[in-house]
Amino acid sequence: MIVRFLEQIEKLSGKLYLFVLKLVRDHEDALDIVQDTFMRIFQMIKKEQKEISDGYFFKTAYNLSINQLNKAKRKLDDGTYEIETVNEEPLEHLLLSEKRKQIENALFRLSGKQKEVVVYRFFTGCTINEIAGMMSISTASVKVHLARGLVNLKKMIPEEERL
């Protein structure tokens, strides 16, 4: 079981990081969430002695990301902290094009389920069936959220600035 877990870490760490980064938009927070995801799943494997599907890694990471965003929002609402929306190194800032920024900003403005489905589909390469399993919804619902998310992204990005 531990060997399978280590194989899953090796296989999923990059995809999981990109997935979380698209949600929280902060490099350090994304790394922390991915690490926390692996730790929680390892503890569960150790405790329950059962294998975990790849989809469960993404679901756990998604839930931890939402918790992080809610915590940051509460801190902002209290007026005691400010949220850094993007934590970039100077070189990364130069390499990040305006179009990419627009896409990320538009993606960040999508509703929860639409954003989740779009990120699963296009940033992690999950199939419709895998997304449905991870989100515990029907494939028809996944398709609806995906279609609506893409329509909303299209509305948010002016036509002359699309890729």
Protein backbone atom coordinates (compact mmCIF):
# COMPACT_ATOMS: atom_id res chain seq x y z
CA MET A 1 0.00 0.00 0.00
CA ILE A 2 2.79 2.43 0.84
CA VAL A 3 4.50 1.67 -2.48
CA ARG A 4 1.25 2.43 -4.33
CA PHE A 5 0.91 5.67 -2.34
CA LEU A 6 4.45 6.73 -3.28
CA GLU A 7 3.71 5.96 -6.94
CA GLN A 8 0.59 8.10 -6.73
CA ILE A 9 2.58 10.97 -5.22
CA GLU A 10 5.11 10.77 -8.02
CA LYS A 11 2.39 10.60 -10.66
CA LEU A 12 0.05 13.26 -9.25
CA SER A 13 2.23 15.86 -7.53
CA GLY A 14 2.65 18.12 -10.59
CA LYS A 15 -0.98 17.93 -11.66
CA LEU A 16 -2.17 18.42 -8.11
CA TYR A 17 0.05 21.47 -7.66
CA LEU A 18 -1.24 23.09 -10.88
CA PHE A 19 -4.82 22.31 -9.89
CA VAL A 20 -4.43 23.91 -6.45
CA LEU A 21 -2.46 26.86 -7.84
CA LYS A 22 -5.33 27.68 -10.20
CA LEU A 23 -7.68 27.73 -7.23
CA VAL A 24 -5.69 29.63 -4.61
CA ARG A 25 -3.45 31.68 -6.94
CA ASP A 26 -0.52 31.66 -4.53
CA HIS A 27 2.62 29.53 -4.96
CA GLU A 28 3.36 29.06 -1.24
CA ASP A 29 -0.25 28.25 -0.34
CA ALA A 30 -0.46 25.77 -3.21
CA LEU A 31 2.68 23.97 -2.02
CA ASP A 32 1.34 23.85 1.54
CA ILE A 33 -2.02 22.50 0.42
CA VAL A 34 -0.46 19.79 -1.75
CA GLN A 35 1.79 18.73 1.13
CA ASP A 36 -1.18 18.74 3.52
CA THR A 37 -3.16 16.65 1.03
CA PHE A 38 -0.44 14.01 0.90
CA MET A 39 -0.10 13.99 4.68
CA ARG A 40 -3.82 13.57 5.27
CA ILE A 41 -4.12 10.78 2.74
CA PHE A 42 -1.04 9.03 4.14
CA GLN A 43 -2.55 9.15 7.64
CA MET A 44 -5.79 7.71 6.28
CA ILE A 45 -3.97 4.92 4.45
CA LYS A 46 -1.98 4.11 7.58
CA LYS A 47 -5.11 4.11 9.75
CA GLU A 48 -7.59 2.34 7.46
CA GLN A 49 -5.18 0.12 5.48
CA LYS A 50 -6.89 0.72 2.13
CA GLU A 51 -5.83 2.14 -1.20
CA ILE A 52 -7.04 5.57 -2.29
CA SER A 53 -8.07 6.47 -5.83
CA ASP A 54 -6.37 9.31 -7.71
CA GLY A 55 -9.64 11.24 -7.66
CA TYR A 56 -9.62 11.30 -3.88
CA PHE A 57 -6.31 13.21 -3.95
CA PHE A 58 -7.94 15.94 -6.06
CA LYS A 59 -11.08 16.03 -3.93
CA THR A 60 -9.01 16.39 -0.76
CA ALA A 61 -6.86 19.11 -2.34
CA TYR A 62 -9.98 20.93 -3.55
CA ASN A 63 -11.53 20.90 -0.08
CA LEU A 64 -8.30 22.13 1.52
CA SER A 65 -8.08 24.89 -1.12
CA ILE A 66 -11.62 26.04 -0.40
CA ASN A 67 -10.84 26.04 3.32
CA GLN A 68 -7.74 28.17 2.67
CA LEU A 69 -9.71 30.64 0.53
CA ASN A 70 -12.44 30.90 3.17
CA LYS A 71 -9.85 31.46 5.90
CA ALA A 72 -8.20 34.19 3.82
CA LYS A 73 -11.57 35.78 3.15
CA ARG A 74 -12.45 35.79 6.85
CA LYS A 75 -9.12 37.43 7.66
CA LEU A 76 -9.83 40.08 5.03
CA ASP A 77 -13.36 40.64 6.35
CA ASP A 78 -11.94 41.21 9.84
CA GLY A 79 -9.80 43.97 8.39
CA THR A 80 -6.69 42.62 10.05
CA TYR A 81 -4.97 41.03 7.05
CA GLU A 82 -4.66 41.55 3.33
CA ILE A 83 -4.69 38.76 0.78
CA GLU A 84 -1.89 38.55 -1.74
CA THR A 85 -3.68 37.51 -4.89
CA VAL A 86 -0.57 36.47 -6.78
CA ASN A 87 2.81 35.74 -5.27
CA GLU A 88 5.21 35.87 -8.22
CA GLU A 89 8.97 35.90 -8.60
CA PRO A 90 10.28 38.67 -10.92
CA LEU A 91 11.22 36.21 -13.66
CA GLU A 92 7.85 34.48 -13.45
CA HIS A 93 6.17 37.87 -13.71
CA LEU A 94 8.05 38.64 -16.93
CA LEU A 95 7.18 35.25 -18.43
CA LEU A 96 3.49 35.49 -17.59
CA SER A 97 1.73 37.05 -20.56
CA GLU A 98 -1.29 39.33 -20.43
CA LYS A 99 -3.48 36.71 -22.06
CA ARG A 100 -2.59 34.16 -19.43
CA LYS A 101 -3.39 36.69 -16.71
CA GLN A 102 -6.75 37.41 -18.29
CA ILE A 103 -7.59 33.72 -18.48
CA GLU A 104 -6.59 33.16 -14.87
CA ASN A 105 -8.57 36.18 -13.69
CA ALA A 106 -11.62 35.07 -15.65
CA LEU A 107 -11.25 31.56 -14.31
CA PHE A 108 -11.03 32.87 -10.77
CA ARG A 109 -14.36 34.72 -11.24
CA LEU A 110 -16.27 31.58 -12.28
CA SER A 111 -18.69 30.02 -9.81
CA GLY A 112 -17.34 27.21 -7.62
CA LYS A 113 -18.55 24.18 -9.58
CA GLN A 114 -17.83 25.74 -12.98
CA LYS A 115 -14.29 26.63 -11.92
CA GLU A 116 -13.73 23.19 -10.42
CA VAL A 117 -14.91 21.38 -13.56
CA VAL A 118 -12.91 23.62 -15.94
CA VAL A 119 -9.74 23.20 -13.87
CA TYR A 120 -10.19 19.43 -13.60
CA ARG A 121 -10.80 19.13 -17.33
CA PHE A 122 -8.21 21.47 -18.82
CA PHE A 123 -5.48 21.77 -16.21
CA THR A 124 -5.34 18.21 -14.92
CA GLY A 125 -6.63 16.40 -18.00
CA CYS A 126 -9.37 14.47 -16.19
CA THR A 127 -12.14 12.85 -18.22
CA ILE A 128 -15.81 13.70 -17.74
CA ASN A 129 -16.36 10.39 -15.92
CA GLU A 130 -13.40 10.99 -13.59
CA ILE A 131 -14.66 14.48 -12.78
CA ALA A 132 -18.14 13.14 -12.06
CA GLY A 133 -16.65 10.59 -9.66
CA MET A 134 -14.49 13.14 -7.87
CA MET A 135 -17.32 15.63 -7.47
CA SER A 136 -20.01 13.01 -6.75
CA ILE A 137 -22.30 14.36 -9.47
CA SER A 138 -23.62 12.89 -12.72
CA THR A 139 -21.72 13.11 -16.00
CA ALA A 140 -24.59 15.21 -17.37
CA SER A 141 -24.06 17.75 -14.56
CA VAL A 142 -20.33 17.84 -15.28
CA LYS A 143 -21.06 18.57 -18.94
CA VAL A 144 -23.49 21.35 -18.00
CA HIS A 145 -21.03 22.98 -15.58
CA LEU A 146 -18.26 22.68 -18.16
CA ALA A 147 -20.34 24.19 -20.95
CA ARG A 148 -21.59 27.04 -18.77
CA GLY A 149 -18.10 27.68 -17.46
CA LEU A 150 -16.68 27.91 -20.98
CA VAL A 151 -19.50 30.23 -22.09
CA ASN A 152 -18.84 32.47 -19.08
CA LEU A 153 -15.10 32.49 -19.77
CA LYS A 154 -15.81 33.46 -23.35
CA LYS A 155 -17.97 36.37 -22.17
CA MET A 156 -15.30 37.57 -19.73
CA ILE A 157 -12.47 37.64 -22.28
CA PRO A 158 -12.91 40.07 -25.20
CA GLU A 159 -12.88 38.37 -28.61
CA GLU A 160 -9.85 40.25 -29.94
CA GLU A 161 -7.82 39.11 -26.93
CA ARG A 162 -8.62 35.39 -27.09
CA LEU A 163 -5.97 32.85 -27.96
